[in-house]
Amino acid sequence: MTVAGAGGGWSSRPYETPADLRLMQALCSTCWRADWPAPLAHPGDLDWWSRDAGDGGLALSERIQLWFAGEADASDLIAWAWFNLPSDLDLMIRPDRRGPELVRSIVEWATARAASVVNDGLPVEAVQAFAPDSQPAVVAGLRELQFEPVEGRTLAHFTRRFDGWQLPEISLPAGFTLRTLASAADVEARVTCGRAAFPASRMTVEKYEAARRTTLYRPALDWLLIAPDGGVAAFALGWLDPVTLAVELEPVGVHPDFQRQGFGRAVCLAAIRAARSMGASQGLICAEGNNPAALGLYASLGYEIATWTRPYRRPLRA
């Protein structure tokens, strides 16, 4: 469909092929450079999210919409939106197009998607869009459409440059080791640790294997901290953008039996050291605002909170 936008028309269409994900990642890189030191997302996020293709019966073509400056596929990508059940909307808009008209177009698409699907057999009741404080035009566009902030759910974006950073040495107790993920058994152990660290996780071996097949996945950045019994005590997965040379750690987790022992710090340092050896010059790590342990850990690594992302919610029906 084509809609009127600021400065002319644009067109939008659903996700079609993996080439579209590459276009979306390229827009991430463009926005990263423009928004630094407060980027919204990293290209690796899209590879990580794509592991859930088909969750809830929704294919990527039903979750993702792309907006082009003019004719679809014959002009620049200026925005994308990603809808996830039960009602979540992630969106990215090129900085020069972050006006209310494009925000409205994205919201209209997401509202139609939400109204057409069910979650656990029940209708979706609202759309919940995520926007960072560092993008006031997007926030204003959502508020003009009667989206209200949701209290208690914030995401801190920690960033830092690596210039001149002398990484500290890593010291581990006897019997613990750091290494990269290397086998099918490692994948199973990593998934087990992840589900323990994040009880609401829906990660499976199949989904993790799907993530390992994505474009930006690099085995050298998939780090595990192994306990004396051979199980995974902690993990950190790095994603390196070859365009910006920025590395994001996502996800990072520590098994509950091994928390508050410095293992999260150790595995993060291992992943960052590996990324720097591959040319990484800056980094991003995100943490939920209600997780003081994670907030403290990333601050201890010299990362600073550059912005907060907040959810904004609007019911489908008044």
C-alpha atoms as a PDB file:
ATOM      1  CA  MET A   1       0.000   0.000   0.000  1.00  0.00           C
ATOM      2  CA  THR A   2       1.103   3.605  -0.523  1.00  0.00           C
ATOM      3  CA  VAL A   3       0.322   6.355   1.992  1.00  0.00           C
ATOM      4  CA  ALA A   4       0.998  10.083   2.072  1.00  0.00           C
ATOM      5  CA  GLY A   5       3.965  11.059   4.191  1.00  0.00           C
ATOM      6  CA  ALA A   6       5.930  14.119   5.143  1.00  0.00           C
ATOM      7  CA  GLY A   7       7.793  15.351   2.091  1.00  0.00           C
ATOM      8  CA  GLY A   8       6.076  12.898  -0.257  1.00  0.00           C
ATOM      9  CA  GLY A   9       4.712   9.378  -0.404  1.00  0.00           C
ATOM     10  CA  TRP A  10       6.177   6.139   0.823  1.00  0.00           C
ATOM     11  CA  SER A  11       5.281   2.531   0.320  1.00  0.00           C
ATOM     12  CA  SER A  12       5.271  -0.435   2.640  1.00  0.00           C
ATOM     13  CA  ARG A  13       5.122  -4.181   2.251  1.00  0.00           C
ATOM     14  CA  PRO A  14       5.508  -7.292   4.410  1.00  0.00           C
ATOM     15  CA  TYR A  15       8.765  -9.116   4.957  1.00  0.00           C
ATOM     16  CA  GLU A  16       9.435 -11.528   2.098  1.00  0.00           C
ATOM     17  CA  THR A  17      12.919 -13.084   2.159  1.00  0.00           C
ATOM     18  CA  PRO A  18      16.127 -13.104   4.244  1.00  0.00           C
ATOM     19  CA  ALA A  19      17.356 -10.304   1.985  1.00  0.00           C
ATOM     20  CA  ASP A  20      14.845  -8.086   3.770  1.00  0.00           C
ATOM     21  CA  LEU A  21      16.537  -8.834   7.086  1.00  0.00           C
ATOM     22  CA  ARG A  22      19.803  -7.629   5.552  1.00  0.00           C
ATOM     23  CA  LEU A  23      18.077  -4.369   4.537  1.00  0.00           C
ATOM     24  CA  MET A  24      16.767  -3.962   8.071  1.00  0.00           C
ATOM     25  CA  GLN A  25      20.219  -4.587   9.513  1.00  0.00           C
ATOM     26  CA  ALA A  26      21.682  -1.980   7.172  1.00  0.00           C
ATOM     27  CA  LEU A  27      19.163   0.531   8.526  1.00  0.00           C
ATOM     28  CA  CYS A  28      20.245  -0.458  12.049  1.00  0.00           C
ATOM     29  CA  SER A  29      23.836   0.398  11.142  1.00  0.00           C
ATOM     30  CA  THR A  30      22.790   3.734   9.659  1.00  0.00           C
ATOM     31  CA  CYS A  31      20.777   4.629  12.750  1.00  0.00           C
ATOM     32  CA  TRP A  32      23.569   3.430  15.036  1.00  0.00           C
ATOM     33  CA  ARG A  33      25.989   5.960  13.564  1.00  0.00           C
ATOM     34  CA  ALA A  34      23.446   8.784  13.698  1.00  0.00           C
ATOM     35  CA  ASP A  35      22.207   7.991  17.215  1.00  0.00           C
ATOM     36  CA  TRP A  36      25.496   7.149  18.954  1.00  0.00           C
ATOM     37  CA  PRO A  37      26.041   7.098  21.909  1.00  0.00           C
ATOM     38  CA  ALA A  38      22.387   6.136  22.385  1.00  0.00           C
ATOM     39  CA  PRO A  39      21.511   3.591  19.672  1.00  0.00           C
ATOM     40  CA  LEU A  40      18.187   1.811  19.834  1.00  0.00           C
ATOM     41  CA  ALA A  41      19.235  -1.563  18.463  1.00  0.00           C
ATOM     42  CA  HIS A  42      22.117  -3.502  16.939  1.00  0.00           C
ATOM     43  CA  PRO A  43      21.959  -5.509  13.680  1.00  0.00           C
ATOM     44  CA  GLY A  44      22.656  -8.620  15.737  1.00  0.00           C
ATOM     45  CA  ASP A  45      19.353  -8.134  17.545  1.00  0.00           C
ATOM     46  CA  LEU A  46      17.508  -8.956  14.340  1.00  0.00           C
ATOM     47  CA  ASP A  47      19.398 -12.207  13.836  1.00  0.00           C
ATOM     48  CA  TRP A  48      18.738 -13.115  17.472  1.00  0.00           C
ATOM     49  CA  TRP A  49      15.022 -12.286  17.221  1.00  0.00           C
ATOM     50  CA  SER A  50      14.648 -14.220  13.980  1.00  0.00           C
ATOM     51  CA  ARG A  51      15.273 -17.495  15.830  1.00  0.00           C
ATOM     52  CA  ASP A  52      11.647 -17.243  16.981  1.00  0.00           C
ATOM     53  CA  ALA A  53      10.253 -17.302  13.436  1.00  0.00           C
ATOM     54  CA  GLY A  54       7.014 -19.238  13.592  1.00  0.00           C
ATOM     55  CA  ASP A  55       6.439 -18.792  17.344  1.00  0.00           C
ATOM     56  CA  GLY A  56       2.723 -18.536  18.012  1.00  0.00           C
ATOM     57  CA  GLY A  57       2.029 -19.562  14.445  1.00  0.00           C
ATOM     58  CA  LEU A  58       3.249 -16.218  13.071  1.00  0.00           C
ATOM     59  CA  ALA A  59       5.803 -16.305  10.268  1.00  0.00           C
ATOM     60  CA  LEU A  60       8.193 -13.387   9.790  1.00  0.00           C
ATOM     61  CA  SER A  61       6.005 -12.201   6.906  1.00  0.00           C
ATOM     62  CA  GLU A  62       3.220 -11.752   9.462  1.00  0.00           C
ATOM     63  CA  ARG A  63       5.436 -10.095  12.056  1.00  0.00           C
ATOM     64  CA  ILE A  64       7.494  -7.633  10.003  1.00  0.00           C
ATOM     65  CA  GLN A  65       6.603  -4.699   7.741  1.00  0.00           C
ATOM     66  CA  LEU A  66       9.052  -2.545   5.756  1.00  0.00           C
ATOM     67  CA  TRP A  67       8.612   1.107   4.684  1.00  0.00           C
ATOM     68  CA  PHE A  68      10.420   2.580   1.679  1.00  0.00           C
ATOM     69  CA  ALA A  69      10.999   6.236   0.758  1.00  0.00           C
ATOM     70  CA  GLY A  70       9.224   5.739  -2.560  1.00  0.00           C
ATOM     71  CA  GLU A  71       8.443   2.663  -4.561  1.00  0.00           C
ATOM     72  CA  ALA A  72       9.059  -0.554  -2.620  1.00  0.00           C
ATOM     73  CA  ASP A  73      12.395  -2.174  -3.467  1.00  0.00           C
ATOM     74  CA  ALA A  74      13.283   0.727  -5.769  1.00  0.00           C
ATOM     75  CA  SER A  75      14.052   3.259  -3.041  1.00  0.00           C
ATOM     76  CA  ASP A  76      15.726   3.425   0.356  1.00  0.00           C
ATOM     77  CA  LEU A  77      14.362   1.590   3.370  1.00  0.00           C
ATOM     78  CA  ILE A  78      13.310   4.241   5.878  1.00  0.00           C
ATOM     79  CA  ALA A  79      11.623   2.178   8.597  1.00  0.00           C
ATOM     80  CA  TRP A  80      10.708  -1.274   9.762  1.00  0.00           C
ATOM     81  CA  ALA A  81       8.382  -2.654  12.417  1.00  0.00           C
ATOM     82  CA  TRP A  82       8.370  -6.027  14.175  1.00  0.00           C
ATOM     83  CA  PHE A  83       5.240  -7.309  15.913  1.00  0.00           C
ATOM     84  CA  ASN A  84       5.496 -10.044  18.544  1.00  0.00           C
ATOM     85  CA  LEU A  85       2.807 -11.720  20.573  1.00  0.00           C
ATOM     86  CA  PRO A  86       1.164 -10.954  22.852  1.00  0.00           C
ATOM     87  CA  SER A  87       1.220  -7.286  21.776  1.00  0.00           C
ATOM     88  CA  ASP A  88       4.759  -5.951  21.443  1.00  0.00           C
ATOM     89  CA  LEU A  89       5.864  -3.582  18.686  1.00  0.00           C
ATOM     90  CA  ASP A  90       9.515  -2.770  17.995  1.00  0.00           C
ATOM     91  CA  LEU A  91      10.123  -0.104  15.385  1.00  0.00           C
ATOM     92  CA  MET A  92      13.093   1.624  13.799  1.00  0.00           C
ATOM     93  CA  ILE A  93      12.851   4.804  11.738  1.00  0.00           C
ATOM     94  CA  ARG A  94      15.654   6.581   9.910  1.00  0.00           C
ATOM     95  CA  PRO A  95      16.469   9.786  11.846  1.00  0.00           C
ATOM     96  CA  ASP A  96      15.357  12.173   9.084  1.00  0.00           C
ATOM     97  CA  ARG A  97      11.942  10.475   8.860  1.00  0.00           C
ATOM     98  CA  ARG A  98      10.990  10.328  12.551  1.00  0.00           C
ATOM     99  CA  GLY A  99       7.831  12.355  12.173  1.00  0.00           C
ATOM    100  CA  PRO A 100       4.264  11.727  13.332  1.00  0.00           C
ATOM    101  CA  GLU A 101       3.013  10.612   9.905  1.00  0.00           C
ATOM    102  CA  LEU A 102       5.346   7.620   9.665  1.00  0.00           C
ATOM    103  CA  VAL A 103       4.789   6.723  13.311  1.00  0.00           C
ATOM    104  CA  ARG A 104       1.057   6.735  12.591  1.00  0.00           C
ATOM    105  CA  SER A 105       1.490   4.481   9.558  1.00  0.00           C
ATOM    106  CA  ILE A 106       3.483   1.989  11.633  1.00  0.00           C
ATOM    107  CA  VAL A 107       0.933   2.045  14.433  1.00  0.00           C
ATOM    108  CA  GLU A 108      -1.943   1.514  11.993  1.00  0.00           C
ATOM    109  CA  TRP A 109      -0.183  -1.548  10.593  1.00  0.00           C
ATOM    110  CA  ALA A 110       0.556  -2.930  14.077  1.00  0.00           C
ATOM    111  CA  THR A 111      -3.019  -2.314  15.219  1.00  0.00           C
ATOM    112  CA  ALA A 112      -4.363  -4.221  12.229  1.00  0.00           C
ATOM    113  CA  ARG A 113      -1.938  -7.067  12.954  1.00  0.00           C
ATOM    114  CA  ALA A 114      -2.944  -7.195  16.615  1.00  0.00           C
ATOM    115  CA  ALA A 115      -6.639  -7.208  15.747  1.00  0.00           C
ATOM    116  CA  SER A 116      -6.191 -10.139  13.381  1.00  0.00           C
ATOM    117  CA  VAL A 117      -4.361 -12.591  15.661  1.00  0.00           C
ATOM    118  CA  VAL A 118      -5.028 -14.470  18.872  1.00  0.00           C
ATOM    119  CA  ASN A 119      -2.692 -15.208  21.763  1.00  0.00           C
ATOM    120  CA  ASP A 120      -3.244 -18.476  23.633  1.00  0.00           C
ATOM    121  CA  GLY A 121      -6.726 -18.603  22.120  1.00  0.00           C
ATOM    122  CA  LEU A 122      -7.671 -15.108  23.272  1.00  0.00           C
ATOM    123  CA  PRO A 123      -7.921 -11.827  21.330  1.00  0.00           C
ATOM    124  CA  VAL A 124      -5.063  -9.370  21.694  1.00  0.00           C
ATOM    125  CA  GLU A 125      -6.217  -6.454  23.827  1.00  0.00           C
ATOM    126  CA  ALA A 126      -3.631  -3.752  23.126  1.00  0.00           C
ATOM    127  CA  VAL A 127      -0.551  -2.692  21.202  1.00  0.00           C
ATOM    128  CA  GLN A 128       2.569  -2.022  23.258  1.00  0.00           C
ATOM    129  CA  ALA A 129       5.230  -0.042  21.392  1.00  0.00           C
ATOM    130  CA  PHE A 130       8.801   0.416  22.603  1.00  0.00           C
ATOM    131  CA  ALA A 131      10.646   3.730  22.146  1.00  0.00           C
ATOM    132  CA  PRO A 132      13.809   5.206  23.669  1.00  0.00           C
ATOM    133  CA  ASP A 133      13.990   8.496  25.531  1.00  0.00           C
ATOM    134  CA  SER A 134      16.704   9.501  23.040  1.00  0.00           C
ATOM    135  CA  GLN A 135      14.122   9.614  20.224  1.00  0.00           C
ATOM    136  CA  PRO A 136      11.639  12.251  21.452  1.00  0.00           C
ATOM    137  CA  ALA A 137       9.981  12.598  18.041  1.00  0.00           C
ATOM    138  CA  VAL A 138       9.002   8.918  18.071  1.00  0.00           C
ATOM    139  CA  VAL A 139       7.791   9.164  21.667  1.00  0.00           C
ATOM    140  CA  ALA A 140       5.771  12.275  20.792  1.00  0.00           C
ATOM    141  CA  GLY A 141       4.247  10.488  17.810  1.00  0.00           C
ATOM    142  CA  LEU A 142       3.108   7.641  20.029  1.00  0.00           C
ATOM    143  CA  ARG A 143       1.716   9.980  22.691  1.00  0.00           C
ATOM    144  CA  GLU A 144      -0.246  11.893  20.031  1.00  0.00           C
ATOM    145  CA  LEU A 145      -1.889   8.565  19.195  1.00  0.00           C
ATOM    146  CA  GLN A 146      -2.955   8.087  22.836  1.00  0.00           C
ATOM    147  CA  PHE A 147      -0.239   5.616  23.777  1.00  0.00           C
ATOM    148  CA  GLU A 148       0.448   5.794  27.512  1.00  0.00           C
ATOM    149  CA  PRO A 149       3.714   4.850  29.230  1.00  0.00           C
ATOM    150  CA  VAL A 150       3.752   1.557  31.102  1.00  0.00           C
ATOM    151  CA  GLU A 151       5.294   1.923  34.528  1.00  0.00           C
ATOM    152  CA  GLY A 152       7.901  -0.500  35.824  1.00  0.00           C
ATOM    153  CA  ARG A 153       9.195  -1.864  32.497  1.00  0.00           C
ATOM    154  CA  THR A 154      12.311  -0.082  31.321  1.00  0.00           C
ATOM    155  CA  LEU A 155      15.415  -1.171  29.447  1.00  0.00           C
ATOM    156  CA  ALA A 156      18.768   0.500  30.063  1.00  0.00           C
ATOM    157  CA  HIS A 157      21.087   0.890  27.067  1.00  0.00           C
ATOM    158  CA  PHE A 158      24.711   0.766  28.236  1.00  0.00           C
ATOM    159  CA  THR A 159      27.358   1.877  25.734  1.00  0.00           C
ATOM    160  CA  ARG A 160      31.077   2.603  25.738  1.00  0.00           C
ATOM    161  CA  ARG A 161      33.973   3.187  23.396  1.00  0.00           C
ATOM    162  CA  PHE A 162      36.894   0.795  23.599  1.00  0.00           C
ATOM    163  CA  ASP A 163      39.663   3.271  22.754  1.00  0.00           C
ATOM    164  CA  GLY A 164      42.376   3.095  25.401  1.00  0.00           C
ATOM    165  CA  TRP A 165      40.548   0.478  27.455  1.00  0.00           C
ATOM    166  CA  GLN A 166      42.975  -1.928  29.054  1.00  0.00           C
ATOM    167  CA  LEU A 167      40.860  -4.985  29.731  1.00  0.00           C
ATOM    168  CA  PRO A 168      41.511  -6.496  33.158  1.00  0.00           C
ATOM    169  CA  GLU A 169      42.793 -10.020  33.493  1.00  0.00           C
ATOM    170  CA  ILE A 170      40.207 -12.697  34.207  1.00  0.00           C
ATOM    171  CA  SER A 171      40.657 -14.761  37.352  1.00  0.00           C
ATOM    172  CA  LEU A 172      38.546 -17.881  37.933  1.00  0.00           C
ATOM    173  CA  PRO A 173      38.271 -20.310  40.853  1.00  0.00           C
ATOM    174  CA  ALA A 174      39.881 -23.717  40.424  1.00  0.00           C
ATOM    175  CA  GLY A 175      37.898 -26.015  38.149  1.00  0.00           C
ATOM    176  CA  PHE A 176      36.135 -23.262  36.185  1.00  0.00           C
ATOM    177  CA  THR A 177      37.099 -22.543  32.580  1.00  0.00           C
ATOM    178  CA  LEU A 178      36.189 -20.125  29.816  1.00  0.00           C
ATOM    179  CA  ARG A 179      35.787 -21.253  26.217  1.00  0.00           C
ATOM    180  CA  THR A 180      33.576 -20.838  23.179  1.00  0.00           C
ATOM    181  CA  LEU A 181      30.601 -23.023  22.380  1.00  0.00           C
ATOM    182  CA  ALA A 182      31.853 -25.925  20.271  1.00  0.00           C
ATOM    183  CA  SER A 183      29.439 -28.864  20.113  1.00  0.00           C
ATOM    184  CA  ALA A 184      25.836 -30.039  20.116  1.00  0.00           C
ATOM    185  CA  ALA A 185      26.282 -30.956  23.777  1.00  0.00           C
ATOM    186  CA  ASP A 186      27.382 -27.374  24.445  1.00  0.00           C
ATOM    187  CA  VAL A 187      24.229 -26.064  22.797  1.00  0.00           C
ATOM    188  CA  GLU A 188      22.039 -28.224  25.024  1.00  0.00           C
ATOM    189  CA  ALA A 189      23.951 -27.176  28.141  1.00  0.00           C
ATOM    190  CA  ARG A 190      23.790 -23.520  27.086  1.00  0.00           C
ATOM    191  CA  VAL A 191      20.026 -23.718  26.597  1.00  0.00           C
ATOM    192  CA  THR A 192      19.630 -25.382  30.005  1.00  0.00           C
ATOM    193  CA  CYS A 193      21.607 -22.599  31.665  1.00  0.00           C
ATOM    194  CA  GLY A 194      19.650 -19.933  29.804  1.00  0.00           C
ATOM    195  CA  ARG A 195      16.296 -21.301  30.887  1.00  0.00           C
ATOM    196  CA  ALA A 196      17.514 -21.398  34.494  1.00  0.00           C
ATOM    197  CA  ALA A 197      18.849 -17.838  34.312  1.00  0.00           C
ATOM    198  CA  PHE A 198      15.668 -16.546  32.633  1.00  0.00           C
ATOM    199  CA  PRO A 199      12.703 -18.614  33.888  1.00  0.00           C
ATOM    200  CA  ALA A 200      10.324 -17.079  31.332  1.00  0.00           C
ATOM    201  CA  SER A 201      12.616 -18.058  28.444  1.00  0.00           C
ATOM    202  CA  ARG A 202      11.175 -20.130  25.597  1.00  0.00           C
ATOM    203  CA  MET A 203      14.583 -20.977  24.194  1.00  0.00           C
ATOM    204  CA  THR A 204      15.056 -24.460  22.760  1.00  0.00           C
ATOM    205  CA  VAL A 205      17.963 -26.303  21.201  1.00  0.00           C
ATOM    206  CA  GLU A 206      16.290 -25.886  17.806  1.00  0.00           C
ATOM    207  CA  LYS A 207      15.953 -22.125  18.238  1.00  0.00           C
ATOM    208  CA  TYR A 208      19.551 -21.760  19.354  1.00  0.00           C
ATOM    209  CA  GLU A 209      20.731 -23.753  16.367  1.00  0.00           C
ATOM    210  CA  ALA A 210      18.678 -21.403  14.180  1.00  0.00           C
ATOM    211  CA  ALA A 211      20.481 -18.426  15.747  1.00  0.00           C
ATOM    212  CA  ARG A 212      23.826 -20.072  14.987  1.00  0.00           C
ATOM    213  CA  ARG A 213      22.894 -20.200  11.294  1.00  0.00           C
ATOM    214  CA  THR A 214      22.254 -16.459  11.018  1.00  0.00           C
ATOM    215  CA  THR A 215      24.455 -14.062   9.073  1.00  0.00           C
ATOM    216  CA  LEU A 216      26.106 -12.218  11.963  1.00  0.00           C
ATOM    217  CA  TYR A 217      26.600 -15.181  14.299  1.00  0.00           C
ATOM    218  CA  ARG A 218      30.289 -15.809  14.925  1.00  0.00           C
ATOM    219  CA  PRO A 219      31.382 -18.894  16.888  1.00  0.00           C
ATOM    220  CA  ALA A 220      34.366 -16.961  18.251  1.00  0.00           C
ATOM    221  CA  LEU A 221      31.967 -14.625  20.092  1.00  0.00           C
ATOM    222  CA  ASP A 222      29.771 -17.314  21.703  1.00  0.00           C
ATOM    223  CA  TRP A 223      31.348 -17.672  25.158  1.00  0.00           C
ATOM    224  CA  LEU A 224      30.617 -20.110  27.964  1.00  0.00           C
ATOM    225  CA  LEU A 225      31.909 -20.346  31.509  1.00  0.00           C
ATOM    226  CA  ILE A 226      32.103 -24.037  32.375  1.00  0.00           C
ATOM    227  CA  ALA A 227      31.638 -25.289  35.941  1.00  0.00           C
ATOM    228  CA  PRO A 228      33.702 -28.142  37.416  1.00  0.00           C
ATOM    229  CA  ASP A 229      30.860 -30.601  36.733  1.00  0.00           C
ATOM    230  CA  GLY A 230      30.926 -29.716  33.028  1.00  0.00           C
ATOM    231  CA  GLY A 231      27.713 -27.693  33.062  1.00  0.00           C
ATOM    232  CA  VAL A 232      27.399 -24.103  31.830  1.00  0.00           C
ATOM    233  CA  ALA A 233      27.572 -21.635  34.707  1.00  0.00           C
ATOM    234  CA  ALA A 234      27.374 -18.448  32.612  1.00  0.00           C
ATOM    235  CA  PHE A 235      27.275 -17.302  29.004  1.00  0.00           C
ATOM    236  CA  ALA A 236      27.660 -14.221  26.818  1.00  0.00           C
ATOM    237  CA  LEU A 237      26.943 -14.047  23.100  1.00  0.00           C
ATOM    238  CA  GLY A 238      28.562 -11.255  21.113  1.00  0.00           C
ATOM    239  CA  TRP A 239      27.294  -9.822  17.832  1.00  0.00           C
ATOM    240  CA  LEU A 240      29.761  -7.798  15.759  1.00  0.00           C
ATOM    241  CA  ASP A 241      28.491  -5.383  13.121  1.00  0.00           C
ATOM    242  CA  PRO A 242      31.081  -5.313  10.307  1.00  0.00           C
ATOM    243  CA  VAL A 243      29.818  -1.879   9.218  1.00  0.00           C
ATOM    244  CA  THR A 244      30.110   0.062  12.497  1.00  0.00           C
ATOM    245  CA  LEU A 245      32.536  -2.329  14.260  1.00  0.00           C
ATOM    246  CA  ALA A 246      30.182  -2.237  17.231  1.00  0.00           C
ATOM    247  CA  VAL A 247      29.674  -5.334  19.355  1.00  0.00           C
ATOM    248  CA  GLU A 248      26.548  -6.065  21.360  1.00  0.00           C
ATOM    249  CA  LEU A 249      26.431  -8.689  24.084  1.00  0.00           C
ATOM    250  CA  GLU A 250      23.000 -10.294  23.873  1.00  0.00           C
ATOM    251  CA  PRO A 251      22.153 -12.333  25.787  1.00  0.00           C
ATOM    252  CA  VAL A 252      24.233 -12.515  28.954  1.00  0.00           C
ATOM    253  CA  GLY A 253      23.177 -14.878  31.729  1.00  0.00           C
ATOM    254  CA  VAL A 254      24.362 -16.653  34.855  1.00  0.00           C
ATOM    255  CA  HIS A 255      22.860 -19.828  36.296  1.00  0.00           C
ATOM    256  CA  PRO A 256      21.174 -19.100  39.665  1.00  0.00           C
ATOM    257  CA  ASP A 257      23.562 -21.525  41.415  1.00  0.00           C
ATOM    258  CA  PHE A 258      26.535 -19.399  40.336  1.00  0.00           C
ATOM    259  CA  GLN A 259      25.267 -15.841  40.635  1.00  0.00           C
ATOM    260  CA  ARG A 260      27.080 -13.108  42.592  1.00  0.00           C
ATOM    261  CA  GLN A 261      30.464 -14.797  42.176  1.00  0.00           C
ATOM    262  CA  GLY A 262      31.885 -12.628  39.392  1.00  0.00           C
ATOM    263  CA  PHE A 263      31.120 -15.108  36.633  1.00  0.00           C
ATOM    264  CA  GLY A 264      28.946 -12.692  34.649  1.00  0.00           C
ATOM    265  CA  ARG A 265      31.817 -10.204  34.589  1.00  0.00           C
ATOM    266  CA  ALA A 266      34.289 -12.907  33.551  1.00  0.00           C
ATOM    267  CA  VAL A 267      32.258 -14.182  30.605  1.00  0.00           C
ATOM    268  CA  CYS A 268      31.491 -10.625  29.406  1.00  0.00           C
ATOM    269  CA  LEU A 269      35.186  -9.747  29.464  1.00  0.00           C
ATOM    270  CA  ALA A 270      36.001 -12.888  27.491  1.00  0.00           C
ATOM    271  CA  ALA A 271      33.470 -12.003  24.785  1.00  0.00           C
ATOM    272  CA  ILE A 272      34.572  -8.356  24.656  1.00  0.00           C
ATOM    273  CA  ARG A 273      38.242  -9.356  24.416  1.00  0.00           C
ATOM    274  CA  ALA A 274      37.425 -11.658  21.487  1.00  0.00           C
ATOM    275  CA  ALA A 275      35.396  -8.939  19.767  1.00  0.00           C
ATOM    276  CA  ARG A 276      38.205  -6.417  20.152  1.00  0.00           C
ATOM    277  CA  SER A 277      40.600  -8.871  18.535  1.00  0.00           C
ATOM    278  CA  MET A 278      38.209  -8.830  15.562  1.00  0.00           C
ATOM    279  CA  GLY A 279      38.214  -5.031  15.356  1.00  0.00           C
ATOM    280  CA  ALA A 280      35.350  -3.988  17.648  1.00  0.00           C
ATOM    281  CA  SER A 281      35.684  -0.349  18.717  1.00  0.00           C
ATOM    282  CA  GLN A 282      32.496   0.265  20.710  1.00  0.00           C
ATOM    283  CA  GLY A 283      29.879  -1.750  22.530  1.00  0.00           C
ATOM    284  CA  LEU A 284      26.289  -2.033  23.670  1.00  0.00           C
ATOM    285  CA  ILE A 285      24.713  -4.085  26.444  1.00  0.00           C
ATOM    286  CA  CYS A 286      21.083  -3.746  27.525  1.00  0.00           C
ATOM    287  CA  ALA A 287      19.626  -4.571  30.923  1.00  0.00           C
ATOM    288  CA  GLU A 288      16.155  -4.484  32.402  1.00  0.00           C
ATOM    289  CA  GLY A 289      15.687  -1.609  34.795  1.00  0.00           C
ATOM    290  CA  ASN A 290      14.476  -3.920  37.561  1.00  0.00           C
ATOM    291  CA  ASN A 291      17.669  -6.015  37.497  1.00  0.00           C
ATOM    292  CA  PRO A 292      20.120  -4.265  39.833  1.00  0.00           C
ATOM    293  CA  ALA A 293      22.721  -7.025  39.512  1.00  0.00           C
ATOM    294  CA  ALA A 294      22.927  -6.570  35.734  1.00  0.00           C
ATOM    295  CA  LEU A 295      22.909  -2.781  36.023  1.00  0.00           C
ATOM    296  CA  GLY A 296      25.808  -2.953  38.460  1.00  0.00           C
ATOM    297  CA  LEU A 297      27.737  -5.461  36.373  1.00  0.00           C
ATOM    298  CA  TYR A 298      27.673  -3.417  33.164  1.00  0.00           C
ATOM    299  CA  ALA A 299      28.528  -0.218  35.016  1.00  0.00           C
ATOM    300  CA  SER A 300      31.516  -2.013  36.559  1.00  0.00           C
ATOM    301  CA  LEU A 301      32.765  -2.713  33.020  1.00  0.00           C
ATOM    302  CA  GLY A 302      32.875   1.018  32.319  1.00  0.00           C
ATOM    303  CA  TYR A 303      29.685   1.069  30.256  1.00  0.00           C
ATOM    304  CA  GLU A 304      27.369   4.013  30.882  1.00  0.00           C
ATOM    305  CA  ILE A 305      23.602   4.287  30.485  1.00  0.00           C
ATOM    306  CA  ALA A 306      23.047   6.319  27.311  1.00  0.00           C
ATOM    307  CA  THR A 307      19.263   6.061  27.172  1.00  0.00           C
ATOM    308  CA  TRP A 308      16.261   4.125  28.440  1.00  0.00           C
ATOM    309  CA  THR A 309      13.674   2.360  26.302  1.00  0.00           C
ATOM    310  CA  ARG A 310      10.131   2.388  27.655  1.00  0.00           C
ATOM    311  CA  PRO A 311       6.917   0.662  26.601  1.00  0.00           C
ATOM    312  CA  TYR A 312       3.876   2.703  25.550  1.00  0.00           C
ATOM    313  CA  ARG A 313       0.497   0.983  25.453  1.00  0.00           C
ATOM    314  CA  ARG A 314      -2.814   1.661  23.724  1.00  0.00           C
ATOM    315  CA  PRO A 315      -5.878  -0.596  23.985  1.00  0.00           C
ATOM    316  CA  LEU A 316      -7.296  -1.891  20.719  1.00  0.00           C
ATOM    317  CA  ARG A 317     -10.768  -1.112  21.876  1.00  0.00           C
ATOM    318  CA  ALA A 318     -11.847   1.923  23.872  1.00  0.00           C
END
